[in-house]
């Protein structure tokens, strides 16, 4: 019985983590959407948007089961280059992703 309860708790933690992750994704996408005209006019990632865009790239690289994020990752890759995407995906120093 104890193992079954432990598994249930771990499943709840996983579900809660996924819900929190989805909340971050929604928030980040809303910010990108609000700033889209500005982002389109810039050739480089604006410093005030770097964390959000890099975080979306990091998340997209980890969760292939979210195909829309994959599409967004492709668009960011075309816009900002594969090096930016790779750095975010690998959490390289100064990539923009905050560790949490």
N, C-alpha and C. Protein backbone atom coordinates (compact mmCIF):
# COMPACT_ATOMS: atom_id res chain seq x y z
N UNK A 1 0.81 -1.20 0.00
CA UNK A 1 0.00 0.00 0.00
C UNK A 1 0.85 1.26 0.00
N UNK A 2 1.91 1.26 0.77
CA UNK A 2 2.73 2.46 0.88
C UNK A 2 3.34 2.85 -0.47
N UNK A 3 3.78 1.88 -1.24
CA UNK A 3 4.35 2.15 -2.56
C UNK A 3 3.30 2.76 -3.48
N UNK A 4 2.09 2.25 -3.42
CA UNK A 4 1.01 2.78 -4.26
C UNK A 4 0.73 4.24 -3.92
N UNK A 5 0.76 4.57 -2.65
CA UNK A 5 0.53 5.97 -2.25
C UNK A 5 1.68 6.87 -2.71
N UNK A 6 2.88 6.35 -2.63
CA UNK A 6 4.04 7.11 -3.09
C UNK A 6 3.94 7.39 -4.58
N UNK A 7 3.54 6.39 -5.34
CA UNK A 7 3.37 6.56 -6.79
C UNK A 7 2.28 7.60 -7.07
N UNK A 8 1.19 7.55 -6.33
CA UNK A 8 0.12 8.53 -6.51
C UNK A 8 0.61 9.94 -6.24
N UNK A 9 1.37 10.11 -5.18
CA UNK A 9 1.91 11.42 -4.84
C UNK A 9 2.85 11.91 -5.94
N UNK A 10 3.71 11.03 -6.42
CA UNK A 10 4.63 11.41 -7.49
C UNK A 10 3.88 11.80 -8.75
N UNK A 11 2.82 11.09 -9.06
CA UNK A 11 2.01 11.44 -10.23
C UNK A 11 1.35 12.80 -10.05
N UNK A 12 0.88 13.09 -8.86
CA UNK A 12 0.29 14.41 -8.59
C UNK A 12 1.32 15.52 -8.72
N UNK A 13 2.52 15.26 -8.25
CA UNK A 13 3.60 16.25 -8.37
C UNK A 13 3.91 16.49 -9.85
N UNK A 14 4.00 15.41 -10.63
CA UNK A 14 4.26 15.55 -12.07
C UNK A 14 3.16 16.35 -12.75
N UNK A 15 1.91 16.05 -12.41
CA UNK A 15 0.79 16.78 -13.00
C UNK A 15 0.84 18.26 -12.61
N UNK A 16 1.15 18.52 -11.36
CA UNK A 16 1.23 19.90 -10.89
C UNK A 16 2.36 20.65 -11.60
N UNK A 17 3.49 19.98 -11.78
CA UNK A 17 4.61 20.60 -12.49
C UNK A 17 4.23 20.91 -13.94
N UNK A 18 3.51 20.00 -14.58
CA UNK A 18 3.10 20.21 -15.97
C UNK A 18 2.11 21.37 -16.06
N UNK A 19 1.21 21.46 -15.11
CA UNK A 19 0.26 22.58 -15.09
C UNK A 19 1.01 23.90 -14.95
N UNK A 20 1.98 23.95 -14.05
CA UNK A 20 2.77 25.17 -13.88
C UNK A 20 3.56 25.50 -15.13
N UNK A 21 4.11 24.49 -15.77
CA UNK A 21 4.84 24.70 -17.01
C UNK A 21 3.92 25.28 -18.09
N UNK A 22 2.74 24.74 -18.20
CA UNK A 22 1.79 25.24 -19.20
C UNK A 22 1.38 26.68 -18.91
N UNK A 23 1.28 27.03 -17.64
CA UNK A 23 0.98 28.42 -17.28
C UNK A 23 2.10 29.35 -17.74
N UNK A 24 3.35 28.92 -17.55
CA UNK A 24 4.49 29.71 -18.03
C UNK A 24 4.44 29.85 -19.55
N UNK A 25 4.18 28.75 -20.23
CA UNK A 25 4.13 28.78 -21.70
C UNK A 25 3.07 29.77 -22.18
N UNK A 26 1.90 29.70 -21.58
CA UNK A 26 0.82 30.61 -21.97
C UNK A 26 1.23 32.06 -21.74
N UNK A 27 1.79 32.32 -20.58
CA UNK A 27 2.22 33.69 -20.27
C UNK A 27 3.29 34.16 -21.27
N UNK A 28 4.31 33.33 -21.49
CA UNK A 28 5.38 33.71 -22.41
C UNK A 28 4.84 33.97 -23.82
N UNK A 29 3.94 33.11 -24.27
CA UNK A 29 3.37 33.28 -25.62
C UNK A 29 2.53 34.55 -25.71
N UNK A 30 1.82 34.87 -24.65
CA UNK A 30 1.04 36.11 -24.65
C UNK A 30 1.95 37.33 -24.74
N UNK A 31 3.07 37.29 -24.04
CA UNK A 31 4.02 38.41 -24.10
C UNK A 31 4.60 38.53 -25.51
N UNK A 32 4.98 37.41 -26.09
CA UNK A 32 5.52 37.43 -27.46
C UNK A 32 4.46 37.99 -28.41
N UNK A 33 3.23 37.54 -28.26
CA UNK A 33 2.15 38.02 -29.12
C UNK A 33 1.97 39.53 -29.01
N UNK A 34 2.00 40.05 -27.79
CA UNK A 34 1.83 41.49 -27.58
C UNK A 34 2.97 42.30 -28.20
N UNK A 35 4.15 41.71 -28.25
CA UNK A 35 5.32 42.43 -28.76
C UNK A 35 5.71 42.02 -30.19
N UNK A 36 4.85 41.29 -30.85
CA UNK A 36 5.17 40.76 -32.17
C UNK A 36 5.58 41.84 -33.18
N UNK A 37 4.85 42.94 -33.31
CA UNK A 37 5.29 43.96 -34.28
C UNK A 37 6.70 44.47 -33.98
N UNK A 38 6.99 44.67 -32.71
CA UNK A 38 8.33 45.12 -32.31
C UNK A 38 9.37 44.04 -32.63
N UNK A 39 9.06 42.79 -32.30
CA UNK A 39 10.00 41.69 -32.55
C UNK A 39 10.28 41.55 -34.04
N UNK A 40 9.25 41.71 -34.85
CA UNK A 40 9.43 41.59 -36.30
C UNK A 40 10.35 42.68 -36.85
N UNK A 41 10.37 43.82 -36.20
CA UNK A 41 11.19 44.93 -36.69
C UNK A 41 12.65 44.84 -36.24
N UNK A 42 12.95 43.92 -35.35
CA UNK A 42 14.30 43.78 -34.81
C UNK A 42 15.01 42.60 -35.45
N UNK A 43 16.29 42.76 -35.73
CA UNK A 43 17.04 41.63 -36.31
C UNK A 43 17.61 40.72 -35.22
N UNK A 44 17.86 41.28 -34.04
CA UNK A 44 18.37 40.50 -32.92
C UNK A 44 17.30 40.41 -31.83
N UNK A 45 17.53 39.50 -30.92
CA UNK A 45 16.60 39.36 -29.79
C UNK A 45 16.73 40.61 -28.92
N UNK A 46 15.63 41.32 -28.71
CA UNK A 46 15.70 42.48 -27.82
C UNK A 46 16.05 42.03 -26.40
N UNK A 47 16.92 42.76 -25.72
CA UNK A 47 17.35 42.34 -24.38
C UNK A 47 16.19 42.10 -23.41
N UNK A 48 15.15 42.91 -23.50
CA UNK A 48 14.03 42.74 -22.57
C UNK A 48 13.13 41.56 -22.93
N UNK A 49 13.37 40.93 -24.07
CA UNK A 49 12.59 39.76 -24.48
C UNK A 49 13.42 38.48 -24.48
N UNK A 50 14.70 38.62 -24.21
CA UNK A 50 15.62 37.48 -24.31
C UNK A 50 15.21 36.34 -23.39
N UNK A 51 14.88 36.65 -22.14
CA UNK A 51 14.53 35.59 -21.20
C UNK A 51 13.29 34.82 -21.66
N UNK A 52 12.30 35.54 -22.12
CA UNK A 52 11.05 34.88 -22.54
C UNK A 52 11.27 34.03 -23.78
N UNK A 53 11.94 34.58 -24.77
CA UNK A 53 12.16 33.83 -26.01
C UNK A 53 13.09 32.64 -25.76
N UNK A 54 14.15 32.86 -25.00
CA UNK A 54 15.07 31.76 -24.70
C UNK A 54 14.36 30.67 -23.88
N UNK A 55 13.51 31.07 -22.96
CA UNK A 55 12.78 30.09 -22.15
C UNK A 55 11.84 29.26 -23.02
N UNK A 56 11.16 29.91 -23.94
CA UNK A 56 10.29 29.16 -24.86
C UNK A 56 11.11 28.19 -25.71
N UNK A 57 12.28 28.61 -26.13
CA UNK A 57 13.15 27.72 -26.91
C UNK A 57 13.60 26.53 -26.07
N UNK A 58 13.95 26.80 -24.83
CA UNK A 58 14.37 25.72 -23.93
C UNK A 58 13.23 24.73 -23.72
N UNK A 59 12.06 25.24 -23.42
CA UNK A 59 10.90 24.37 -23.18
C UNK A 59 10.57 23.57 -24.44
N UNK A 60 10.59 24.23 -25.59
CA UNK A 60 10.27 23.54 -26.85
C UNK A 60 11.27 22.42 -27.13
N UNK A 61 12.52 22.62 -26.75
CA UNK A 61 13.53 21.59 -26.99
C UNK A 61 13.34 20.38 -26.07
N UNK A 62 12.62 20.56 -24.98
CA UNK A 62 12.42 19.48 -24.01
C UNK A 62 11.08 18.76 -24.17
N UNK A 63 10.11 19.43 -24.76
CA UNK A 63 8.76 18.87 -24.82
C UNK A 63 8.29 18.77 -26.27
N UNK A 64 8.74 17.73 -26.93
CA UNK A 64 8.36 17.50 -28.32
C UNK A 64 6.88 17.19 -28.50
N UNK A 65 6.22 16.83 -27.40
CA UNK A 65 4.79 16.52 -27.50
C UNK A 65 3.93 17.78 -27.60
N UNK A 66 4.57 18.94 -27.61
CA UNK A 66 3.85 20.20 -27.79
C UNK A 66 4.23 20.76 -29.17
N UNK A 67 3.56 20.28 -30.23
CA UNK A 67 3.98 20.62 -31.60
C UNK A 67 3.95 22.11 -31.92
N UNK A 68 3.04 22.85 -31.32
CA UNK A 68 3.00 24.29 -31.61
C UNK A 68 4.26 24.99 -31.11
N UNK A 69 4.81 24.49 -30.01
CA UNK A 69 6.07 25.06 -29.54
C UNK A 69 7.20 24.74 -30.51
N UNK A 70 7.13 23.57 -31.12
CA UNK A 70 8.12 23.21 -32.14
C UNK A 70 8.07 24.16 -33.32
N UNK A 71 6.87 24.54 -33.71
CA UNK A 71 6.72 25.51 -34.80
C UNK A 71 7.29 26.86 -34.40
N UNK A 72 7.02 27.25 -33.18
CA UNK A 72 7.55 28.52 -32.67
C UNK A 72 9.08 28.47 -32.62
N UNK A 73 9.61 27.35 -32.20
CA UNK A 73 11.06 27.16 -32.16
C UNK A 73 11.67 27.32 -33.56
N UNK A 74 11.01 26.76 -34.55
CA UNK A 74 11.49 26.90 -35.93
C UNK A 74 11.49 28.36 -36.38
N UNK A 75 10.44 29.08 -36.01
CA UNK A 75 10.37 30.49 -36.39
C UNK A 75 11.46 31.30 -35.69
N UNK A 76 11.66 31.02 -34.41
CA UNK A 76 12.72 31.72 -33.69
C UNK A 76 14.09 31.37 -34.28
N UNK A 77 14.26 30.13 -34.68
CA UNK A 77 15.52 29.70 -35.27
C UNK A 77 15.80 30.46 -36.57
N UNK A 78 14.79 30.60 -37.40
CA UNK A 78 14.95 31.36 -38.65
C UNK A 78 15.25 32.83 -38.35
N UNK A 79 14.61 33.36 -37.34
CA UNK A 79 14.75 34.78 -37.02
C UNK A 79 16.07 35.10 -36.31
N UNK A 80 16.41 34.27 -35.31
CA UNK A 80 17.55 34.59 -34.45
C UNK A 80 18.75 33.67 -34.62
N UNK A 81 18.61 32.64 -35.43
CA UNK A 81 19.72 31.75 -35.72
C UNK A 81 19.76 30.52 -34.81
N UNK A 82 20.38 29.49 -35.33
CA UNK A 82 20.44 28.23 -34.59
C UNK A 82 21.33 28.31 -33.36
N UNK A 83 22.31 29.19 -33.38
CA UNK A 83 23.19 29.31 -32.22
C UNK A 83 22.41 29.79 -30.99
N UNK A 84 21.52 30.75 -31.18
CA UNK A 84 20.69 31.23 -30.08
C UNK A 84 19.84 30.10 -29.53
N UNK A 85 19.24 29.32 -30.42
CA UNK A 85 18.37 28.21 -30.02
C UNK A 85 19.18 27.15 -29.29
N UNK A 86 20.32 26.80 -29.83
CA UNK A 86 21.17 25.78 -29.21
C UNK A 86 21.64 26.21 -27.83
N UNK A 87 22.04 27.46 -27.72
CA UNK A 87 22.49 27.97 -26.41
C UNK A 87 21.37 27.90 -25.38
N UNK A 88 20.17 28.26 -25.79
CA UNK A 88 19.03 28.19 -24.87
C UNK A 88 18.71 26.75 -24.51
N UNK A 89 18.71 25.88 -25.50
CA UNK A 89 18.37 24.47 -25.26
C UNK A 89 19.38 23.79 -24.35
N UNK A 90 20.64 24.22 -24.44
CA UNK A 90 21.70 23.61 -23.62
C UNK A 90 21.99 24.41 -22.35
N UNK A 91 21.20 25.44 -22.12
CA UNK A 91 21.37 26.30 -20.93
C UNK A 91 22.80 26.83 -20.80
N UNK A 92 23.33 27.27 -21.92
CA UNK A 92 24.68 27.85 -21.90
C UNK A 92 24.65 29.17 -21.12
N UNK A 93 25.80 29.56 -20.56
CA UNK A 93 25.84 30.83 -19.82
C UNK A 93 25.35 31.99 -20.69
N UNK A 94 24.64 32.88 -20.07
CA UNK A 94 24.09 34.07 -20.74
C UNK A 94 23.12 33.76 -21.87
N UNK A 95 22.52 32.57 -21.85
CA UNK A 95 21.57 32.22 -22.91
C UNK A 95 20.23 32.92 -22.72
N UNK A 96 19.97 33.39 -21.52
CA UNK A 96 18.72 34.09 -21.26
C UNK A 96 17.76 33.31 -20.38
N UNK A 97 17.94 32.01 -20.29
CA UNK A 97 17.03 31.19 -19.48
C UNK A 97 17.46 31.28 -18.02
N UNK A 98 16.50 31.61 -17.17
CA UNK A 98 16.78 31.63 -15.73
C UNK A 98 16.55 30.24 -15.17
N UNK A 99 17.45 29.80 -14.34
CA UNK A 99 17.28 28.49 -13.72
C UNK A 99 16.29 28.60 -12.58
N UNK A 100 15.28 27.73 -12.61
CA UNK A 100 14.27 27.70 -11.55
C UNK A 100 13.99 26.28 -11.18
